[in-house]
Amino acid sequence: MVRDHSVSSKVLDAIVHLTMLLVLLACLIPLLNILAYSFSTSHAVSKGGITLFPKELSIAGYKAIFQDALIPRAFMNSILITVSGTFVNVVLTLLTAYPLSKGYLPFRKFYMFLIVATMFFGGGLIPTFILVNSLGLSNSYMALILPGAISVWNLLIMMSFFRSFPIELEESARLDGAGDIAIILRIVIPLSMAPIATIALFYAVGHWNSYFQALIYLRDTSKYPLQLILREIVLDQQMAADLAVRTGSDQSPVTAENVKYTTLVISILPMLIVYPYIQKYFVKGIMIGSLKG
């Protein structure tokens, strides 16, 4: 590869690097600020003025959060919803994208018209709510998973990849007596890990950050995910204050602000841990789905 050493190229590289640095700082500074607040004492938080580093270092907020059952239970609920929901999403997306990628599928264009139409037209909130209730899914985790089980965008990414899949591999497997399910499990999926990891990341982040569906469909507070609890804590000052009173002590006082910032950190941490392991597949999966179609 020949590198361009012209002045215009160097200026462009400098602008690109500066822009990326500004974007990095815009994302990193608020995160560090939240982290600093969560590790500061209630006295330092009440005084304010905390920037990127904690004042009067303390983990009282984290101790208090995990002493009460509310946040740990909501955290486990979010993990359950994210893991099970992502599994259902990925399986249904693969089982739909694979046959639709085959040109010989009967009525393929009709199916594609119906699927793509959902990207532009929808029934709306009230019809969806009535449908979920009529199916008996209300107040269950299935109400958070099934209505959005397949993302059309992710479906198109997988279809684009499957269309570029070497047909010779499938034909040789059929000659050896393999059926469609065996081909998918033994050949297609092992060779499609990059786009699968990409759509799995999309689905997982969507489930983890979602709270609106839980707000609509869940009535039992013991089933609330962490993001819904976080919403209640941020918007309802009384809930945060009650949680601080229940978990605080004279030796380690906790305020509503401690509860807010600590819960924010707990809600952000899982995605920060998971993303680096999937990031290596991310760009590769997107490029495969977009360029090889």
Protein backbone atom coordinates (compact mmCIF):
# COMPACT_ATOMS: atom_id res chain seq x y z
CA MET A 1 0.00 0.00 0.00
CA VAL A 2 1.40 3.39 -1.05
CA ARG A 3 0.95 6.09 1.56
CA ASP A 4 0.13 9.62 0.44
CA HIS A 5 2.62 12.07 2.00
CA SER A 6 1.20 15.21 0.44
CA VAL A 7 0.35 18.25 2.55
CA SER A 8 -3.38 17.92 1.86
CA SER A 9 -3.30 14.30 2.99
CA LYS A 10 -1.51 15.19 6.22
CA VAL A 11 -4.02 17.98 6.91
CA LEU A 12 -6.90 15.59 6.32
CA ASP A 13 -5.33 13.00 8.67
CA ALA A 14 -4.90 15.67 11.34
CA ILE A 15 -8.54 16.76 10.99
CA VAL A 16 -9.74 13.15 11.20
CA HIS A 17 -7.63 12.41 14.29
CA LEU A 18 -8.72 15.65 15.96
CA THR A 19 -12.37 14.90 15.26
CA MET A 20 -12.06 11.39 16.67
CA LEU A 21 -10.28 12.76 19.75
CA LEU A 22 -13.13 15.22 20.35
CA VAL A 23 -15.70 12.44 19.96
CA LEU A 24 -13.72 10.29 22.40
CA LEU A 25 -13.60 13.08 24.96
CA ALA A 26 -17.31 13.82 24.52
CA CYS A 27 -18.07 10.17 25.36
CA LEU A 28 -15.42 9.64 28.02
CA ILE A 29 -15.75 12.79 30.14
CA PRO A 30 -19.41 12.25 31.18
CA LEU A 31 -18.61 8.62 31.99
CA LEU A 32 -15.65 9.58 34.17
CA ASN A 33 -17.78 12.23 35.88
CA ILE A 34 -20.48 9.69 36.76
CA LEU A 35 -17.80 7.27 37.99
CA ALA A 36 -16.23 9.99 40.16
CA TYR A 37 -19.58 10.83 41.76
CA SER A 38 -20.31 7.16 42.48
CA PHE A 39 -17.00 6.75 44.35
CA SER A 40 -17.35 9.95 46.39
CA THR A 41 -18.83 10.30 49.86
CA SER A 42 -22.32 11.68 50.37
CA HIS A 43 -20.79 14.82 51.88
CA ALA A 44 -18.64 15.45 48.78
CA VAL A 45 -21.57 14.75 46.46
CA SER A 46 -23.81 17.20 48.33
CA LYS A 47 -21.12 19.89 48.10
CA GLY A 48 -20.73 19.33 44.34
CA GLY A 49 -17.72 20.40 42.32
CA ILE A 50 -16.71 16.83 41.44
CA THR A 51 -15.22 16.63 37.96
CA LEU A 52 -13.21 13.64 36.70
CA PHE A 53 -11.87 12.33 39.99
CA PRO A 54 -13.74 11.33 43.16
CA LYS A 55 -13.49 13.40 46.33
CA GLU A 56 -13.25 11.69 49.72
CA LEU A 57 -13.06 8.24 48.11
CA SER A 58 -15.81 5.90 49.31
CA ILE A 59 -17.63 2.76 48.16
CA ALA A 60 -20.54 3.30 50.54
CA GLY A 61 -22.90 3.78 47.60
CA TYR A 62 -22.05 0.37 46.16
CA LYS A 63 -22.33 -1.33 49.53
CA ALA A 64 -25.71 0.28 50.08
CA ILE A 65 -27.01 -0.69 46.63
CA PHE A 66 -26.15 -4.35 47.07
CA GLN A 67 -27.52 -4.51 50.61
CA ASP A 68 -31.02 -3.89 49.29
CA ALA A 69 -32.66 -6.53 47.11
CA LEU A 70 -34.14 -4.04 44.64
CA ILE A 71 -31.09 -3.28 42.48
CA PRO A 72 -29.52 -6.80 42.45
CA ARG A 73 -32.89 -8.33 41.53
CA ALA A 74 -33.42 -5.79 38.75
CA PHE A 75 -29.87 -6.41 37.53
CA MET A 76 -30.51 -10.15 37.28
CA ASN A 77 -33.82 -9.48 35.53
CA SER A 78 -32.00 -7.38 32.92
CA ILE A 79 -29.42 -10.12 32.37
CA LEU A 80 -32.20 -12.71 31.97
CA ILE A 81 -34.11 -10.54 29.51
CA THR A 82 -30.98 -9.63 27.55
CA VAL A 83 -29.60 -13.17 27.27
CA SER A 84 -32.90 -14.91 26.50
CA GLY A 85 -34.11 -12.11 24.24
CA THR A 86 -30.87 -12.00 22.26
CA PHE A 87 -30.94 -15.79 21.84
CA VAL A 88 -34.52 -15.70 20.51
CA ASN A 89 -33.72 -12.74 18.26
CA VAL A 90 -30.63 -14.32 16.71
CA VAL A 91 -32.24 -17.74 16.19
CA LEU A 92 -35.37 -16.33 14.55
CA THR A 93 -33.35 -13.90 12.43
CA LEU A 94 -31.11 -16.70 11.13
CA LEU A 95 -34.03 -19.05 10.44
CA THR A 96 -35.80 -16.28 8.52
CA ALA A 97 -32.83 -14.80 6.67
CA TYR A 98 -31.44 -18.11 5.38
CA PRO A 99 -34.47 -19.24 3.33
CA LEU A 100 -35.24 -15.69 2.19
CA SER A 101 -31.71 -15.42 0.79
CA LYS A 102 -32.47 -18.24 -1.64
CA GLY A 103 -33.83 -17.07 -4.98
CA TYR A 104 -35.74 -20.33 -5.51
CA LEU A 105 -37.96 -19.84 -2.43
CA PRO A 106 -41.62 -19.70 -3.57
CA PHE A 107 -43.33 -16.31 -3.03
CA ARG A 108 -40.02 -14.84 -1.87
CA LYS A 109 -40.77 -11.37 -3.26
CA PHE A 110 -44.16 -11.33 -1.55
CA TYR A 111 -42.59 -12.24 1.80
CA MET A 112 -39.92 -9.59 1.36
CA PHE A 113 -42.56 -6.97 0.56
CA LEU A 114 -44.43 -7.77 3.77
CA ILE A 115 -41.23 -7.72 5.85
CA VAL A 116 -39.74 -4.52 4.43
CA ALA A 117 -43.13 -2.77 4.70
CA THR A 118 -42.88 -3.05 8.49
CA MET A 119 -39.87 -0.70 8.37
CA PHE A 120 -42.15 2.09 7.15
CA PHE A 121 -45.58 1.22 8.52
CA GLY A 122 -46.63 -0.01 11.95
CA GLY A 123 -49.80 -0.51 13.90
CA GLY A 124 -48.72 1.82 16.69
CA LEU A 125 -48.62 1.51 20.45
CA ILE A 126 -52.29 0.88 21.24
CA PRO A 127 -52.86 -1.95 18.71
CA THR A 128 -49.62 -3.58 19.84
CA PHE A 129 -50.66 -3.31 23.48
CA ILE A 130 -54.06 -4.85 22.71
CA LEU A 131 -52.41 -7.68 20.77
CA VAL A 132 -49.94 -8.47 23.55
CA ASN A 133 -52.75 -8.52 26.12
CA SER A 134 -54.95 -10.70 23.94
CA LEU A 135 -52.11 -13.22 23.57
CA GLY A 136 -51.77 -13.43 27.36
CA LEU A 137 -48.22 -12.09 27.35
CA SER A 138 -48.85 -9.10 29.60
CA ASN A 139 -46.76 -8.98 32.80
CA SER A 140 -44.30 -11.54 31.39
CA TYR A 141 -40.86 -11.27 29.87
CA MET A 142 -42.21 -12.62 26.58
CA ALA A 143 -44.00 -9.29 26.14
CA LEU A 144 -40.56 -7.65 26.00
CA ILE A 145 -39.05 -10.20 23.61
CA LEU A 146 -41.59 -11.48 21.09
CA PRO A 147 -43.08 -8.22 19.69
CA GLY A 148 -39.65 -7.19 18.42
CA ALA A 149 -38.23 -10.66 17.89
CA ILE A 150 -36.86 -9.87 14.43
CA SER A 151 -35.27 -6.59 13.38
CA VAL A 152 -35.72 -6.04 9.66
CA TRP A 153 -32.40 -4.22 9.47
CA ASN A 154 -30.53 -7.15 11.04
CA LEU A 155 -32.48 -9.53 8.84
CA LEU A 156 -31.28 -7.70 5.72
CA ILE A 157 -27.68 -7.84 6.97
CA MET A 158 -27.86 -11.62 7.38
CA MET A 159 -29.65 -12.09 4.06
CA SER A 160 -26.92 -10.12 2.30
CA PHE A 161 -24.28 -12.35 3.86
CA PHE A 162 -26.10 -15.60 3.08
CA ARG A 163 -26.52 -14.58 -0.57
CA SER A 164 -22.73 -14.45 -0.86
CA PHE A 165 -22.31 -17.83 0.84
CA PRO A 166 -20.55 -20.41 -1.41
CA ILE A 167 -23.27 -22.62 -2.84
CA GLU A 168 -20.73 -25.38 -3.42
CA LEU A 169 -20.47 -26.03 0.32
CA GLU A 170 -24.20 -26.58 0.61
CA GLU A 171 -24.34 -28.78 -2.48
CA SER A 172 -21.51 -31.00 -1.24
CA ALA A 173 -23.23 -31.31 2.14
CA ARG A 174 -26.49 -32.35 0.46
CA LEU A 175 -24.62 -35.00 -1.52
CA ASP A 176 -23.40 -36.37 1.80
CA GLY A 177 -27.00 -36.61 3.00
CA ALA A 178 -27.22 -33.46 5.14
CA GLY A 179 -30.60 -31.76 5.45
CA ASP A 180 -31.34 -28.05 5.78
CA ILE A 181 -31.06 -28.03 9.59
CA ALA A 182 -27.75 -29.91 9.51
CA ILE A 183 -26.38 -27.51 6.89
CA ILE A 184 -27.37 -24.51 9.00
CA LEU A 185 -25.95 -25.91 12.24
CA ARG A 186 -22.74 -27.48 10.89
CA ILE A 187 -21.79 -25.25 7.97
CA VAL A 188 -23.66 -21.95 7.82
CA ILE A 189 -23.47 -20.87 11.46
CA PRO A 190 -19.77 -21.74 12.07
CA LEU A 191 -18.81 -19.73 8.97
CA SER A 192 -21.08 -16.80 9.83
CA MET A 193 -19.84 -15.84 13.28
CA ALA A 194 -18.84 -12.28 12.31
CA PRO A 195 -22.30 -11.11 11.16
CA ILE A 196 -23.99 -13.20 13.88
CA ALA A 197 -21.87 -11.52 16.57
CA THR A 198 -22.71 -8.14 15.05
CA ILE A 199 -26.48 -8.59 15.12
CA ALA A 200 -26.24 -10.22 18.55
CA LEU A 201 -24.53 -7.07 19.83
CA PHE A 202 -27.28 -4.91 18.31
CA TYR A 203 -29.99 -7.02 19.91
CA ALA A 204 -28.25 -7.25 23.29
CA VAL A 205 -27.69 -3.48 23.56
CA GLY A 206 -31.31 -2.88 22.58
CA HIS A 207 -32.61 -5.24 25.28
CA TRP A 208 -30.24 -3.93 27.94
CA ASN A 209 -31.13 -0.27 27.36
CA SER A 210 -34.86 -0.79 26.88
CA TYR A 211 -37.27 0.31 29.59
CA PHE A 212 -40.37 1.53 27.73
CA GLN A 213 -41.79 -1.92 26.96
CA ALA A 214 -41.26 -2.96 30.58
CA LEU A 215 -43.01 0.21 31.73
CA ILE A 216 -46.02 -0.66 29.57
CA TYR A 217 -46.33 -4.42 30.00
CA LEU A 218 -44.90 -5.28 33.44
CA ARG A 219 -47.01 -4.74 36.56
CA ASP A 220 -45.04 -6.83 39.04
CA THR A 221 -42.16 -4.74 40.42
CA SER A 222 -40.15 -7.90 41.13
CA LYS A 223 -39.88 -8.39 37.35
CA TYR A 224 -38.67 -4.86 36.60
CA PRO A 225 -35.37 -4.66 34.67
CA LEU A 226 -32.55 -2.44 35.86
CA GLN A 227 -33.19 0.29 33.31
CA LEU A 228 -36.77 0.74 34.51
CA ILE A 229 -35.59 0.95 38.12
CA LEU A 230 -32.96 3.46 37.02
CA ARG A 231 -35.64 5.53 35.31
CA GLU A 232 -37.73 5.53 38.47
CA ILE A 233 -34.72 6.50 40.59
CA VAL A 234 -33.72 9.36 38.28
CA LEU A 235 -37.22 10.76 37.81
CA ASP A 236 -38.65 9.98 41.23
CA GLN A 237 -36.57 11.68 43.91
CA GLN A 238 -38.60 10.00 46.64
CA MET A 239 -37.74 6.49 45.45
CA ALA A 240 -34.03 7.30 45.48
CA ALA A 241 -34.35 8.89 48.93
CA ASP A 242 -36.23 5.87 50.33
CA LEU A 243 -33.58 3.52 48.98
CA ALA A 244 -30.85 5.67 50.52
CA VAL A 245 -32.60 5.65 53.91
CA ARG A 246 -33.05 1.85 53.82
CA THR A 247 -29.44 1.13 52.95
CA GLY A 248 -27.49 3.94 54.62
CA SER A 249 -26.07 4.02 58.14
CA ASP A 250 -24.54 6.50 60.54
CA GLN A 251 -21.03 5.26 59.71
CA SER A 252 -21.67 5.23 55.93
CA PRO A 253 -24.40 7.73 55.11
CA VAL A 254 -25.91 7.49 51.63
CA THR A 255 -27.91 10.14 49.82
CA ALA A 256 -30.29 9.96 46.88
CA GLU A 257 -27.52 11.30 44.63
CA ASN A 258 -25.24 8.43 45.66
CA VAL A 259 -27.97 5.98 44.72
CA LYS A 260 -28.49 7.61 41.32
CA TYR A 261 -24.85 7.68 40.26
CA THR A 262 -24.07 4.22 41.61
CA THR A 263 -27.04 2.72 39.78
CA LEU A 264 -25.94 4.50 36.59
CA VAL A 265 -22.49 2.91 36.81
CA ILE A 266 -23.96 -0.53 37.43
CA SER A 267 -26.24 -0.17 34.42
CA ILE A 268 -23.39 0.92 32.12
CA LEU A 269 -20.73 -1.56 33.25
CA PRO A 270 -21.97 -4.82 31.60
CA MET A 271 -22.01 -3.37 28.08
CA LEU A 272 -18.55 -1.85 28.63
CA ILE A 273 -17.26 -5.29 29.60
CA VAL A 274 -18.93 -7.22 26.78
CA TYR A 275 -18.30 -4.81 23.91
CA PRO A 276 -14.48 -5.18 23.64
CA TYR A 277 -14.84 -8.94 23.12
CA ILE A 278 -17.36 -8.49 20.29
CA GLN A 279 -15.88 -5.34 18.75
CA LYS A 280 -13.41 -7.33 16.62
CA TYR A 281 -16.38 -8.87 14.79
CA PHE A 282 -18.31 -5.63 14.55
CA VAL A 283 -16.72 -3.86 11.58
CA LYS A 284 -16.11 -7.14 9.77
CA GLY A 285 -19.74 -8.19 10.15
CA ILE A 286 -21.11 -4.86 8.93
CA MET A 287 -18.80 -4.79 5.92
CA ILE A 288 -19.65 -8.37 4.98
CA GLY A 289 -23.36 -7.61 5.16
CA SER A 290 -23.07 -4.42 3.13
CA LEU A 291 -20.47 -5.15 0.46
CA LYS A 292 -21.14 -8.74 -0.49
CA GLY A 293 -24.87 -8.44 -1.05
